[in-house]
N, C-alpha and C. Protein backbone atom coordinates (compact mmCIF):
# COMPACT_ATOMS: atom_id res chain seq x y z
N MET A 1 5.14 -0.66 -14.03
CA MET A 1 5.51 1.08 -14.14
C MET A 1 5.95 1.08 -15.48
N ARG A 2 5.82 2.07 -16.45
CA ARG A 2 5.84 2.68 -17.83
C ARG A 2 6.88 2.42 -17.78
N THR A 3 7.92 2.19 -19.22
CA THR A 3 9.04 3.05 -19.07
C THR A 3 9.34 3.57 -20.31
N ALA A 4 10.26 4.52 -20.74
CA ALA A 4 9.93 5.01 -21.63
C ALA A 4 10.87 3.92 -23.49
N ARG A 5 9.99 4.06 -24.38
CA ARG A 5 10.43 3.53 -25.12
C ARG A 5 11.22 4.44 -26.09
N THR A 6 12.06 3.75 -27.12
CA THR A 6 12.61 4.77 -27.93
C THR A 6 12.15 4.10 -29.38
N SER A 7 11.64 5.10 -30.36
CA SER A 7 10.88 4.47 -31.44
C SER A 7 12.19 5.05 -32.51
N TRP A 8 12.67 4.09 -33.21
CA TRP A 8 13.53 4.42 -34.47
C TRP A 8 13.18 4.36 -35.92
N ARG A 9 13.45 5.69 -36.75
CA ARG A 9 12.71 5.35 -38.13
C ARG A 9 13.88 5.25 -39.12
N THR A 10 13.62 4.16 -40.12
CA THR A 10 14.78 3.57 -40.64
C THR A 10 15.16 4.43 -42.24
N CYS A 11 16.11 4.64 -42.77
CA CYS A 11 16.54 5.55 -43.77
C CYS A 11 17.11 4.69 -44.81
N SER A 12 16.91 5.03 -45.79
CA SER A 12 17.75 4.20 -47.30
C SER A 12 18.06 5.25 -47.95
N LEU A 13 19.60 4.93 -47.89
CA LEU A 13 20.37 6.24 -48.70
C LEU A 13 21.19 5.47 -50.03
N GLY A 14 20.89 6.00 -50.90
CA GLY A 14 21.36 5.61 -52.27
C GLY A 14 22.58 6.33 -52.12
N ALA A 15 23.38 6.19 -53.16
CA ALA A 15 24.71 6.78 -53.67
C ALA A 15 24.56 7.99 -53.51
N ALA A 16 23.63 9.09 -54.23
CA ALA A 16 23.79 9.99 -54.53
C ALA A 16 23.64 10.98 -53.30
N ALA A 17 22.91 10.02 -52.36
CA ALA A 17 22.91 10.71 -51.45
C ALA A 17 23.75 11.15 -49.80
N VAL A 18 24.96 10.32 -50.37
CA VAL A 18 26.08 10.40 -49.37
C VAL A 18 26.72 11.71 -49.23
N ALA A 19 26.33 12.88 -49.96
CA ALA A 19 26.76 14.07 -50.10
C ALA A 19 25.94 14.93 -49.40
N ALA A 20 24.53 14.62 -49.53
CA ALA A 20 23.60 15.51 -48.68
C ALA A 20 23.48 14.79 -47.24
N LEU A 21 24.04 13.85 -46.51
CA LEU A 21 24.17 13.48 -45.49
C LEU A 21 24.88 13.62 -44.64
N LEU A 22 26.53 14.44 -45.48
CA LEU A 22 27.18 15.26 -44.93
C LEU A 22 26.93 16.38 -44.04
N ALA A 23 25.84 17.18 -45.04
CA ALA A 23 25.21 18.29 -44.50
C ALA A 23 24.25 18.53 -43.54
N ALA A 24 23.40 17.05 -43.48
CA ALA A 24 22.17 17.43 -42.79
C ALA A 24 21.90 16.01 -42.18
N THR A 25 21.00 15.84 -40.90
CA THR A 25 21.26 14.82 -40.41
C THR A 25 20.12 13.58 -41.15
N ALA A 26 19.95 12.29 -41.76
CA ALA A 26 18.76 12.31 -42.03
C ALA A 26 17.62 11.21 -41.32
N CYS A 27 18.22 10.74 -40.02
CA CYS A 27 17.37 10.40 -39.12
C CYS A 27 17.72 10.87 -37.74
N ASN A 28 16.56 10.74 -36.50
CA ASN A 28 16.60 11.09 -35.30
C ASN A 28 15.97 10.20 -34.70
N PRO A 29 16.06 9.54 -33.55
CA PRO A 29 15.08 8.48 -32.59
C PRO A 29 14.21 9.83 -31.70
N GLY A 30 12.69 9.35 -32.20
CA GLY A 30 11.89 10.11 -31.24
C GLY A 30 11.75 9.30 -29.80
N VAL A 31 11.24 9.61 -28.95
CA VAL A 31 11.47 9.17 -27.52
C VAL A 31 9.90 9.59 -27.02
N ALA A 32 9.65 8.29 -26.51
CA ALA A 32 7.96 8.13 -26.46
C ALA A 32 7.88 8.84 -24.92
N ASP A 33 6.54 9.42 -24.46
CA ASP A 33 6.31 9.69 -23.37
C ASP A 33 6.89 9.49 -22.26
N THR A 34 7.68 10.07 -21.22
CA THR A 34 8.14 9.78 -19.83
C THR A 34 7.47 10.37 -18.95
N LYS A 35 6.25 10.34 -18.90
CA LYS A 35 5.29 11.11 -17.68
C LYS A 35 5.30 10.11 -16.69
N ASN A 36 5.50 10.93 -15.04
CA ASN A 36 5.64 9.93 -14.52
C ASN A 36 4.59 9.03 -14.28
N PRO A 37 4.62 7.60 -13.76
CA PRO A 37 3.52 6.23 -13.56
C PRO A 37 2.77 6.78 -12.65
N THR A 38 1.60 6.39 -12.97
CA THR A 38 0.42 6.61 -12.23
C THR A 38 0.71 5.57 -10.73
N THR A 39 0.07 5.92 -9.55
CA THR A 39 0.03 4.59 -8.62
C THR A 39 -1.45 4.28 -8.76
N PRO A 40 -1.83 2.57 -9.31
CA PRO A 40 -2.68 1.82 -8.90
C PRO A 40 -3.62 2.37 -7.52
N THR A 41 -4.47 2.01 -7.27
CA THR A 41 -5.36 2.23 -6.09
C THR A 41 -6.32 0.99 -6.16
N THR A 42 -5.86 -0.40 -6.62
CA THR A 42 -6.95 -1.41 -6.61
C THR A 42 -6.65 -2.20 -5.23
N ALA A 43 -7.85 -2.28 -4.40
CA ALA A 43 -7.65 -2.55 -3.38
C ALA A 43 -9.02 -3.35 -2.79
N PRO A 44 -9.11 -4.59 -1.76
CA PRO A 44 -10.28 -4.91 -1.54
C PRO A 44 -11.47 -4.63 -1.63
N SER A 45 -12.25 -4.86 -0.87
CA SER A 45 -13.83 -4.25 -0.71
C SER A 45 -13.91 -3.24 0.10
N THR A 46 -14.00 -1.55 -0.35
CA THR A 46 -13.19 -0.63 1.04
C THR A 46 -14.39 -0.14 1.80
N ALA A 47 -14.07 -0.03 2.70
CA ALA A 47 -15.26 0.67 4.00
C ALA A 47 -15.94 2.14 3.45
N GLY A 48 -17.32 1.94 3.43
CA GLY A 48 -17.65 3.11 3.15
C GLY A 48 -18.14 3.19 1.71
N THR A 49 -18.02 1.96 0.46
CA THR A 49 -17.98 2.05 -0.74
C THR A 49 -18.56 1.14 -1.16
N THR A 50 -19.04 0.81 -2.22
CA THR A 50 -19.95 -0.11 -2.64
C THR A 50 -19.10 -1.00 -4.21
N HIS A 51 -17.35 -0.80 -3.95
CA HIS A 51 -16.93 -1.59 -5.07
C HIS A 51 -16.74 -2.85 -4.57
N SER A 52 -16.63 -3.54 -5.62
CA SER A 52 -16.13 -5.09 -5.14
C SER A 52 -14.94 -5.19 -5.52
N SER A 53 -14.52 -6.48 -4.67
CA SER A 53 -13.10 -6.87 -4.48
C SER A 53 -12.63 -7.77 -5.23
N PRO A 54 -11.48 -7.43 -5.65
CA PRO A 54 -10.88 -8.65 -6.72
C PRO A 54 -10.04 -9.88 -5.24
N SER A 55 -10.11 -10.94 -6.04
CA SER A 55 -9.39 -12.16 -5.17
C SER A 55 -7.99 -11.56 -4.86
N PRO A 56 -7.40 -11.98 -3.54
CA PRO A 56 -6.22 -11.65 -3.54
C PRO A 56 -5.00 -11.43 -4.16
N SER A 57 -5.11 -13.15 -4.84
CA SER A 57 -4.21 -13.75 -6.15
C SER A 57 -4.43 -12.52 -6.99
N THR A 58 -5.42 -11.54 -7.17
CA THR A 58 -4.91 -10.94 -8.36
C THR A 58 -5.11 -9.22 -8.30
N SER A 59 -4.97 -8.72 -6.90
CA SER A 59 -4.68 -7.39 -6.55
C SER A 59 -3.39 -7.14 -6.81
N THR A 60 -2.98 -5.93 -7.32
CA THR A 60 -1.66 -5.55 -7.68
C THR A 60 -1.69 -4.16 -7.14
N SER A 61 0.02 -3.76 -6.79
CA SER A 61 0.45 -2.28 -6.84
C SER A 61 1.75 -2.01 -7.70
N SER A 62 1.78 -1.01 -8.16
CA SER A 62 3.16 -0.76 -8.17
C SER A 62 3.94 0.20 -7.47
N GLY A 63 3.37 0.50 -6.57
CA GLY A 63 4.26 1.73 -5.61
C GLY A 63 5.64 0.93 -4.63
N ALA A 64 5.62 -0.26 -5.15
CA ALA A 64 6.97 -1.02 -4.18
C ALA A 64 8.31 -0.42 -4.97
N GLY A 65 8.96 -0.09 -4.01
CA GLY A 65 10.62 0.15 -4.25
C GLY A 65 10.39 1.50 -4.51
N THR A 66 9.66 2.50 -4.58
CA THR A 66 9.65 3.63 -5.23
C THR A 66 9.90 5.18 -3.93
N SER A 67 9.74 3.96 -2.80
CA SER A 67 10.01 5.08 -1.40
C SER A 67 11.55 5.49 -1.18
N SER A 68 11.66 6.41 -0.70
CA SER A 68 12.86 7.13 -0.65
C SER A 68 13.52 6.47 0.81
N GLY A 69 14.80 5.91 0.90
CA GLY A 69 15.23 5.47 1.80
C GLY A 69 15.64 5.90 3.09
N ALA A 70 16.13 7.53 2.55
CA ALA A 70 15.84 8.37 3.81
C ALA A 70 14.57 8.69 4.74
N GLY A 71 13.77 8.70 4.10
CA GLY A 71 12.11 8.82 4.35
C GLY A 71 12.71 10.30 4.77
N THR A 72 11.02 10.91 5.21
CA THR A 72 10.56 12.27 5.36
C THR A 72 10.16 12.44 6.83
N VAL A 73 9.59 13.53 7.20
CA VAL A 73 8.94 13.41 8.34
C VAL A 73 7.64 12.74 8.44
N ALA A 74 7.03 12.04 9.82
CA ALA A 74 6.41 10.81 10.00
C ALA A 74 4.85 11.17 9.67
N CYS A 75 4.17 10.33 9.00
CA CYS A 75 2.85 10.64 8.81
C CYS A 75 1.97 10.56 10.21
N ASN A 76 0.96 11.49 10.50
CA ASN A 76 0.22 11.02 11.49
C ASN A 76 -1.24 11.74 11.24
N ASP A 77 -1.74 11.43 12.01
CA ASP A 77 -3.94 11.70 12.06
C ASP A 77 -4.18 12.85 10.85
N ASN A 78 -3.50 14.01 11.30
CA ASN A 78 -3.59 14.93 10.11
C ASN A 78 -3.34 14.79 8.94
N ASP A 79 -2.67 14.02 8.42
CA ASP A 79 -2.11 13.65 6.98
C ASP A 79 -2.92 12.95 6.16
N LEU A 80 -3.97 12.00 6.92
CA LEU A 80 -4.48 10.51 6.38
C LEU A 80 -5.68 10.86 6.52
N SER A 81 -6.12 9.98 5.21
CA SER A 81 -7.26 9.30 5.58
C SER A 81 -7.39 7.74 5.24
N ILE A 82 -7.87 7.12 6.48
CA ILE A 82 -7.88 5.46 7.01
C ILE A 82 -9.45 4.95 6.26
N THR A 83 -9.13 3.52 5.39
CA THR A 83 -10.12 3.04 5.52
C THR A 83 -9.72 1.40 5.51
N THR A 84 -10.74 0.64 6.12
CA THR A 84 -10.61 -0.70 6.14
C THR A 84 -11.68 -1.14 5.33
N SER A 85 -10.97 -2.71 4.94
CA SER A 85 -11.72 -3.46 3.72
C SER A 85 -11.29 -4.85 4.27
N VAL A 86 -12.20 -5.93 3.63
CA VAL A 86 -11.97 -6.96 3.48
C VAL A 86 -11.83 -7.56 2.08
N TRP A 87 -11.30 -8.81 1.98
CA TRP A 87 -11.36 -9.72 1.04
C TRP A 87 -12.45 -10.67 0.43
N ARG A 88 -12.98 -10.25 -0.85
CA ARG A 88 -14.74 -10.77 -1.28
C ARG A 88 -14.81 -12.37 -0.70
N GLN A 89 -13.25 -13.14 -0.96
CA GLN A 89 -13.46 -14.56 -0.97
C GLN A 89 -12.41 -15.27 0.34
N ASP A 90 -12.60 -14.09 1.32
CA ASP A 90 -11.68 -14.65 2.40
C ASP A 90 -12.75 -14.71 3.50
N SER A 91 -12.22 -15.38 4.56
CA SER A 91 -13.58 -15.99 5.59
C SER A 91 -13.91 -14.87 6.64
N GLY A 92 -13.00 -13.65 6.30
CA GLY A 92 -13.02 -12.91 7.60
C GLY A 92 -12.09 -12.39 8.51
N ARG A 93 -10.82 -13.70 8.17
CA ARG A 93 -9.85 -13.40 8.91
C ARG A 93 -8.51 -12.48 8.83
N HIS A 94 -8.82 -11.72 7.68
CA HIS A 94 -7.81 -10.87 7.57
C HIS A 94 -8.43 -9.25 7.43
N LEU A 95 -7.97 -8.04 7.60
CA LEU A 95 -8.55 -7.07 7.42
C LEU A 95 -7.11 -6.23 6.87
N LEU A 96 -7.73 -5.30 5.62
CA LEU A 96 -6.46 -4.64 4.78
C LEU A 96 -6.79 -2.95 5.48
N VAL A 97 -6.00 -2.41 5.90
CA VAL A 97 -5.64 -0.96 6.41
C VAL A 97 -5.14 0.33 5.03
N THR A 98 -5.86 0.83 4.86
CA THR A 98 -5.16 1.36 3.39
C THR A 98 -5.33 3.17 3.94
N ALA A 99 -4.28 3.77 4.19
CA ALA A 99 -3.71 4.93 4.12
C ALA A 99 -3.26 6.15 3.19
N THR A 100 -4.50 7.21 2.99
CA THR A 100 -4.24 7.56 1.69
C THR A 100 -3.66 9.01 2.31
N ASN A 101 -2.66 9.68 2.05
CA ASN A 101 -2.53 11.04 1.92
C ASN A 101 -2.94 12.07 1.45
N PHE A 102 -3.76 12.75 1.97
CA PHE A 102 -3.80 14.05 1.61
C PHE A 102 -4.16 15.13 1.49
N THR A 103 -2.79 15.70 1.97
CA THR A 103 -2.05 16.60 2.06
C THR A 103 -1.44 17.00 0.62
N ASP A 104 -1.03 18.01 0.75
CA ASP A 104 -0.10 18.52 -0.84
C ASP A 104 1.40 18.48 -0.15
N LYS A 105 1.75 17.79 1.31
CA LYS A 105 3.23 17.23 1.00
C LYS A 105 3.48 15.82 1.25
N THR A 106 4.67 15.21 1.11
CA THR A 106 5.03 14.06 1.45
C THR A 106 5.47 13.66 2.84
N CYS A 107 4.82 12.09 3.24
CA CYS A 107 5.61 11.79 4.25
C CYS A 107 5.45 10.66 4.26
N THR A 108 6.02 9.82 5.68
CA THR A 108 6.26 8.35 5.56
C THR A 108 5.76 7.95 6.68
N LEU A 109 5.15 6.78 6.22
CA LEU A 109 4.61 5.85 7.12
C LEU A 109 5.66 4.97 7.54
N TYR A 110 6.11 4.88 9.00
CA TYR A 110 7.06 4.56 9.22
C TYR A 110 6.55 3.03 10.14
N HIS A 111 7.98 1.74 10.00
CA HIS A 111 7.66 0.51 10.61
C HIS A 111 6.02 0.08 10.58
N TYR A 112 5.30 -0.66 11.73
CA TYR A 112 4.02 -0.68 11.56
C TYR A 112 3.15 0.21 11.76
N PRO A 113 1.85 0.35 11.72
CA PRO A 113 0.80 1.16 12.90
C PRO A 113 0.45 0.47 14.05
N TYR A 114 0.59 1.33 15.44
CA TYR A 114 0.26 0.59 16.33
C TYR A 114 -1.50 0.21 16.09
N ILE A 115 -2.07 -1.10 16.24
CA ILE A 115 -3.41 -1.59 16.15
C ILE A 115 -4.01 -1.72 17.57
N GLY A 116 -5.62 -1.33 17.82
CA GLY A 116 -5.98 -2.22 18.89
C GLY A 116 -7.69 -1.94 18.23
N PHE A 117 -8.22 -2.37 19.39
CA PHE A 117 -9.74 -2.41 18.15
C PHE A 117 -10.61 -1.76 19.65
N GLY A 118 -10.78 -0.58 19.39
CA GLY A 118 -11.56 0.41 20.38
C GLY A 118 -11.26 -0.39 22.02
N ALA A 119 -12.68 -0.11 22.65
CA ALA A 119 -12.46 -0.65 23.97
C ALA A 119 -12.68 -2.06 24.66
N VAL A 120 -12.65 -2.93 23.11
CA VAL A 120 -12.72 -4.29 23.13
C VAL A 120 -11.40 -4.92 23.48
N ILE A 121 -10.58 -4.41 22.52
CA ILE A 121 -9.00 -5.29 22.46
C ILE A 121 -8.32 -4.34 22.47
N ASP A 122 -7.77 -4.38 23.86
CA ASP A 122 -6.26 -3.39 24.03
C ASP A 122 -5.19 -4.02 22.55
N GLY A 123 -4.28 -2.58 22.55
CA GLY A 123 -3.33 -2.78 21.20
C GLY A 123 -1.80 -2.12 21.87
N PRO A 124 -0.97 -1.91 21.38
CA PRO A 124 -0.99 -2.52 19.81
C PRO A 124 -0.20 -4.00 19.96
N LEU A 125 -1.18 -4.46 18.57
CA LEU A 125 -0.84 -5.78 18.14
C LEU A 125 0.55 -6.02 18.00
N ALA A 126 1.14 -7.06 17.79
CA ALA A 126 2.62 -7.85 17.73
C ALA A 126 2.33 -7.35 16.04
N GLN A 127 3.64 -7.20 15.43
CA GLN A 127 3.69 -7.24 14.13
C GLN A 127 4.28 -8.35 13.75
N MET A 128 3.81 -8.55 12.15
CA MET A 128 3.95 -9.90 11.86
C MET A 128 5.35 -9.81 10.09
N GLY A 129 6.12 -10.88 9.79
CA GLY A 129 6.70 -10.78 9.16
C GLY A 129 8.08 -9.80 9.12
N SER A 130 8.98 -9.38 8.22
CA SER A 130 9.86 -8.17 8.24
C SER A 130 9.85 -7.02 8.03
N ALA A 131 10.39 -5.83 7.85
CA ALA A 131 10.23 -4.82 7.56
C ALA A 131 10.54 -4.91 5.91
N PRO A 132 10.07 -4.34 4.94
CA PRO A 132 10.18 -4.13 3.16
C PRO A 132 11.38 -3.23 3.24
N LYS A 133 11.77 -4.05 2.17
CA LYS A 133 13.41 -3.00 1.85
C LYS A 133 13.17 -1.59 1.43
N ALA A 134 11.69 -0.65 0.56
CA ALA A 134 11.64 0.28 0.86
C ALA A 134 10.49 0.75 2.03
N ILE A 135 11.15 1.57 2.14
CA ILE A 135 9.90 2.57 3.64
C ILE A 135 8.69 3.14 2.93
N ALA A 136 7.83 3.64 3.33
CA ALA A 136 6.36 3.70 2.74
C ALA A 136 6.23 5.16 3.24
N THR A 137 6.84 5.67 1.89
CA THR A 137 7.14 7.42 1.61
C THR A 137 5.94 7.42 0.50
N ILE A 138 5.15 8.43 1.22
CA ILE A 138 3.72 8.68 0.22
C ILE A 138 3.76 10.04 -0.06
N GLY A 139 3.65 10.50 -1.23
CA GLY A 139 3.15 11.99 -2.04
C GLY A 139 1.85 11.99 -1.72
N PRO A 140 1.40 13.20 -2.18
CA PRO A 140 -0.13 13.66 -2.17
C PRO A 140 -1.07 12.40 -2.82
N LYS A 141 -2.12 12.15 -2.45
CA LYS A 141 -3.37 11.21 -2.94
C LYS A 141 -2.66 9.81 -2.99
N GLU A 142 -1.25 9.57 -2.46
CA GLU A 142 -0.67 8.47 -2.87
C GLU A 142 -1.29 7.22 -1.82
N LYS A 143 -0.80 6.46 -1.54
CA LYS A 143 -1.32 5.18 -0.46
C LYS A 143 -0.32 4.10 -0.20
N ALA A 144 -0.34 3.73 1.24
CA ALA A 144 -0.07 3.09 1.60
C ALA A 144 -0.67 2.05 2.43
N TYR A 145 -0.30 0.61 2.35
CA TYR A 145 -1.14 -0.84 3.09
C TYR A 145 -0.39 -1.08 4.27
N ALA A 146 -1.27 -1.96 5.08
CA ALA A 146 -1.28 -2.77 6.41
C ALA A 146 -1.77 -3.59 6.44
N GLY A 147 -2.04 -4.74 6.41
CA GLY A 147 -3.02 -5.93 6.67
C GLY A 147 -2.51 -6.71 7.75
N LEU A 148 -3.54 -6.77 8.43
CA LEU A 148 -4.07 -7.68 9.70
C LEU A 148 -4.87 -9.10 9.82
N PHE A 149 -3.96 -9.87 9.94
CA PHE A 149 -4.58 -11.15 10.58
C PHE A 149 -5.45 -11.19 12.11
N LEU A 150 -6.34 -11.83 11.72
CA LEU A 150 -7.39 -11.74 12.59
C LEU A 150 -7.50 -12.80 13.73
N TYR A 151 -7.30 -14.05 13.04
CA TYR A 151 -8.02 -15.24 13.93
C TYR A 151 -7.47 -16.49 13.11
N ARG A 152 -7.24 -17.36 13.93
CA ARG A 152 -7.16 -18.73 13.00
C ARG A 152 -8.56 -19.42 13.43
N GLY A 153 -8.97 -20.70 12.29
CA GLY A 153 -9.46 -21.26 12.43
C GLY A 153 -10.49 -21.97 13.64
N SER A 154 -9.62 -22.50 14.58
CA SER A 154 -10.58 -22.89 15.88
C SER A 154 -9.89 -22.23 16.68
N GLU A 155 -10.23 -20.78 16.66
CA GLU A 155 -9.26 -20.16 17.95
C GLU A 155 -11.00 -19.53 18.55
N LYS A 156 -10.59 -19.28 19.67
CA LYS A 156 -11.99 -18.55 20.43
C LYS A 156 -11.87 -16.94 19.97
N THR A 157 -12.65 -16.33 19.45
CA THR A 157 -12.52 -15.03 19.29
C THR A 157 -13.82 -14.18 20.22
N VAL A 158 -13.79 -12.77 19.82
CA VAL A 158 -14.79 -11.68 20.17
C VAL A 158 -14.88 -10.78 18.90
N PRO A 159 -16.19 -10.53 18.99
CA PRO A 159 -16.37 -9.31 17.85
C PRO A 159 -16.15 -7.92 18.46
N VAL A 160 -15.62 -7.33 17.18
CA VAL A 160 -15.77 -5.91 17.31
C VAL A 160 -16.08 -4.98 16.18
N GLU A 161 -16.71 -3.89 16.56
CA GLU A 161 -16.78 -3.00 15.88
C GLU A 161 -16.09 -1.72 15.25
N ALA A 162 -15.05 -1.44 15.62
CA ALA A 162 -14.18 -0.45 15.37
C ALA A 162 -12.53 -1.10 15.63
N VAL A 163 -11.61 -0.07 14.76
CA VAL A 163 -9.96 -0.23 14.76
C VAL A 163 -9.59 1.16 15.21
N SER A 164 -8.41 0.63 15.86
CA SER A 164 -7.81 1.94 16.44
C SER A 164 -6.61 2.04 16.36
N ILE A 165 -5.99 3.21 15.72
CA ILE A 165 -4.93 3.08 15.04
C ILE A 165 -4.01 4.06 15.56
N GLY A 166 -2.28 4.14 15.00
CA GLY A 166 -1.66 5.04 15.83
C GLY A 166 -0.24 4.95 14.82
N TYR A 167 0.36 5.76 15.22
CA TYR A 167 1.52 6.01 13.96
C TYR A 167 3.06 6.21 14.92
N GLN A 168 4.05 5.79 14.44
CA GLN A 168 5.42 5.72 14.60
C GLN A 168 6.43 6.63 14.15
N ASP A 169 7.30 6.98 14.57
CA ASP A 169 8.35 8.14 14.25
C ASP A 169 9.33 7.29 13.51
N ARG A 170 10.70 7.74 13.33
CA ARG A 170 11.79 7.44 12.70
C ARG A 170 12.33 5.88 13.29
N ALA A 171 12.08 6.19 14.55
CA ALA A 171 12.60 5.30 15.78
C ALA A 171 11.84 3.86 16.08
N LEU A 172 11.87 3.03 15.86
CA LEU A 172 10.90 1.71 16.10
C LEU A 172 10.30 1.66 17.53
N ASN A 173 9.04 1.44 17.12
CA ASN A 173 8.34 1.52 18.81
C ASN A 173 8.42 2.97 19.58
N SER A 174 8.48 3.44 18.84
CA SER A 174 8.13 5.17 19.35
C SER A 174 6.52 5.52 19.29
N ASN A 175 6.28 6.58 20.16
CA ASN A 175 4.71 6.79 20.08
C ASN A 175 3.55 6.08 20.42
N LYS A 176 4.47 5.09 21.31
CA LYS A 176 3.69 4.10 21.76
C LYS A 176 2.69 4.51 23.12
N GLU A 177 3.04 5.51 23.66
CA GLU A 177 1.95 5.99 24.55
C GLU A 177 1.31 7.24 24.09
N SER A 178 1.02 7.23 22.87
CA SER A 178 0.19 8.38 22.24
C SER A 178 -1.46 7.74 21.94
N ALA A 179 -2.23 8.30 22.18
CA ALA A 179 -3.25 7.68 22.15
C ALA A 179 -3.72 7.40 20.79
N MET A 180 -4.49 6.31 20.29
CA MET A 180 -4.57 5.73 19.17
C MET A 180 -6.23 6.03 18.67
N LEU A 181 -6.53 6.79 17.41
CA LEU A 181 -7.83 6.90 16.98
C LEU A 181 -8.39 6.18 16.48
N ASP A 182 -9.84 5.82 16.68
CA ASP A 182 -10.58 5.05 16.17
C ASP A 182 -11.54 4.82 15.05
N VAL A 183 -11.34 4.35 14.28
CA VAL A 183 -11.65 3.80 12.97
C VAL A 183 -13.28 2.82 12.80
N ALA A 184 -14.56 3.58 12.37
CA ALA A 184 -15.35 2.55 12.65
C ALA A 184 -15.43 2.05 11.39
N LEU A 185 -15.60 0.61 11.42
CA LEU A 185 -15.61 -0.34 10.32
C LEU A 185 -17.21 0.02 9.74
N SER A 186 -17.01 -0.13 8.25
CA SER A 186 -18.27 0.60 7.81
C SER A 186 -19.64 -0.69 7.38
N LYS A 187 -20.80 -0.42 7.10
CA LYS A 187 -21.94 -1.07 7.15
C LYS A 187 -22.01 -2.65 6.45
N GLU A 188 -20.92 -2.09 5.76
CA GLU A 188 -20.55 -3.17 4.40
C GLU A 188 -19.82 -4.34 5.40
N ILE A 189 -18.82 -4.31 6.43
CA ILE A 189 -18.05 -5.08 6.94
C ILE A 189 -18.94 -5.21 8.44
N GLY A 190 -19.58 -4.52 9.25
CA GLY A 190 -20.27 -4.64 10.10
C GLY A 190 -19.50 -5.17 11.32
N SER A 191 -19.14 -6.30 11.81
CA SER A 191 -18.34 -6.28 13.26
C SER A 191 -17.36 -7.16 12.31
N LEU A 192 -16.06 -7.71 12.96
CA LEU A 192 -14.68 -8.87 13.11
C LEU A 192 -14.70 -9.48 14.01
N ASP A 193 -13.98 -10.42 13.67
CA ASP A 193 -13.74 -11.44 15.09
C ASP A 193 -12.20 -11.41 15.43
N VAL A 194 -12.37 -11.40 16.47
CA VAL A 194 -10.44 -11.11 16.53
C VAL A 194 -10.27 -12.26 17.61
N GLY A 195 -9.12 -13.18 17.61
CA GLY A 195 -8.59 -13.98 18.68
C GLY A 195 -7.38 -13.51 19.29
N THR A 196 -6.70 -14.26 19.81
CA THR A 196 -6.02 -13.69 20.82
C THR A 196 -4.31 -13.85 20.25
N ASN A 197 -4.28 -14.02 19.36
CA ASN A 197 -3.15 -14.25 18.03
C ASN A 197 -2.79 -13.18 17.02
N ALA A 198 -3.95 -11.76 17.02
CA ALA A 198 -4.14 -11.33 16.15
C ALA A 198 -2.41 -10.41 15.69
N ARG A 199 -2.30 -10.28 14.44
CA ARG A 199 -0.85 -9.09 14.27
C ARG A 199 -1.43 -8.38 12.98
N VAL A 200 -0.45 -7.81 12.66
CA VAL A 200 -0.30 -6.90 12.04
C VAL A 200 1.04 -6.59 11.05
N THR A 201 0.85 -6.40 9.95
CA THR A 201 2.19 -6.50 9.08
C THR A 201 2.73 -4.97 9.22
N TYR A 202 3.76 -4.82 8.45
CA TYR A 202 4.45 -3.38 8.25
C TYR A 202 4.01 -2.53 7.53
N TRP A 203 3.97 -1.18 7.30
CA TRP A 203 3.35 -0.77 6.08
C TRP A 203 4.20 -0.79 4.92
N ASN A 204 3.38 -1.04 3.64
CA ASN A 204 3.89 -1.06 2.33
C ASN A 204 3.24 -0.61 1.28
N ARG A 205 4.01 0.07 0.54
CA ARG A 205 3.36 0.36 -0.87
C ARG A 205 2.75 -0.43 -1.89
N ASP A 206 3.29 -1.68 -1.63
CA ASP A 206 3.00 -2.78 -2.66
C ASP A 206 1.94 -3.39 -2.04
N LEU A 207 0.66 -3.51 -2.29
CA LEU A 207 -0.70 -4.32 -2.02
C LEU A 207 -0.36 -5.89 -2.14
N GLY A 208 0.27 -6.15 -3.25
CA GLY A 208 0.69 -7.58 -3.60
C GLY A 208 1.57 -7.93 -2.19
N ALA A 209 2.53 -7.69 -1.82
CA ALA A 209 3.57 -7.73 -0.94
C ALA A 209 2.62 -7.98 0.10
N ILE A 210 1.92 -7.15 0.91
CA ILE A 210 1.09 -7.59 1.87
C ILE A 210 0.11 -9.18 1.87
N GLU A 211 -0.54 -9.19 0.71
CA GLU A 211 -1.40 -10.13 0.48
C GLU A 211 -0.84 -11.59 0.31
N ASP A 212 0.58 -11.34 -0.10
CA ASP A 212 1.33 -12.44 -0.11
C ASP A 212 1.73 -12.99 1.49
N LEU A 213 2.11 -11.78 2.31
CA LEU A 213 2.49 -12.32 3.32
C LEU A 213 1.11 -12.74 4.29
N LEU A 214 -0.22 -11.94 3.97
CA LEU A 214 -1.47 -12.83 4.49
C LEU A 214 -1.71 -14.17 4.06
N PHE A 215 -1.80 -14.45 3.28
CA PHE A 215 -2.46 -15.54 2.58
C PHE A 215 -1.03 -16.86 1.85
N ARG A 216 -0.13 -16.28 2.27
CA ARG A 216 0.85 -17.75 1.60
C ARG A 216 1.97 -17.74 2.77
N SER A 217 1.25 -17.41 3.89
CA SER A 217 2.73 -17.37 4.85
C SER A 217 1.93 -18.54 5.99
N GLY A 218 1.08 -18.86 5.78
CA GLY A 218 0.33 -19.80 6.64
C GLY A 218 -0.42 -18.98 7.92
N THR A 219 -1.20 -17.74 7.83
CA THR A 219 -1.73 -17.45 8.33
C THR A 219 -3.49 -17.00 7.81
N SER A 220 -3.37 -18.17 6.71
CA SER A 220 -4.92 -17.93 6.29
C SER A 220 -5.28 -19.07 6.77
């Protein structure tokens, strides 16, 4: 996030200028541009695109900590564009879900998404990690992320070609009986292997926090 920087001009005053100083101001601070910071959208290889993905250690986002604690109306299917992506240097054990607000109003992604895998594996998956300090409130064109841990190396897996997703309201575990929407995986991803202990993180506007949890908490 950019911070406003104040630029100061230096003035040299001689003895003859003292009288003039009493009548006029010699220097004034000039304030740099303070436009709102933009939200980076750097992410792993995204479904439906040919963008190359950064390694988990270099992906960043400055959205953390900007969400309102009070929250807003809950986001739903009509507010969001959902994409799925994988990390280029990963072995396919993790998936990133990116939610983009394509409306002209602000909404909040509460708690964690309900995740299943089409008709192959029923959801919702259990959550992993703890809730972030800032809830994932996103304005128009802003993004929030959730990460999926899919399987361990020695675990028995089944292939899936779609992810099912649902959303919670303010109350934890709300809307659990609502139907989830299937999101097909892109040709770039093809199919995923999912084990019996797959889990999902809480929504977070900070992509780096998602990556820390997935790759540095013993689930990689």
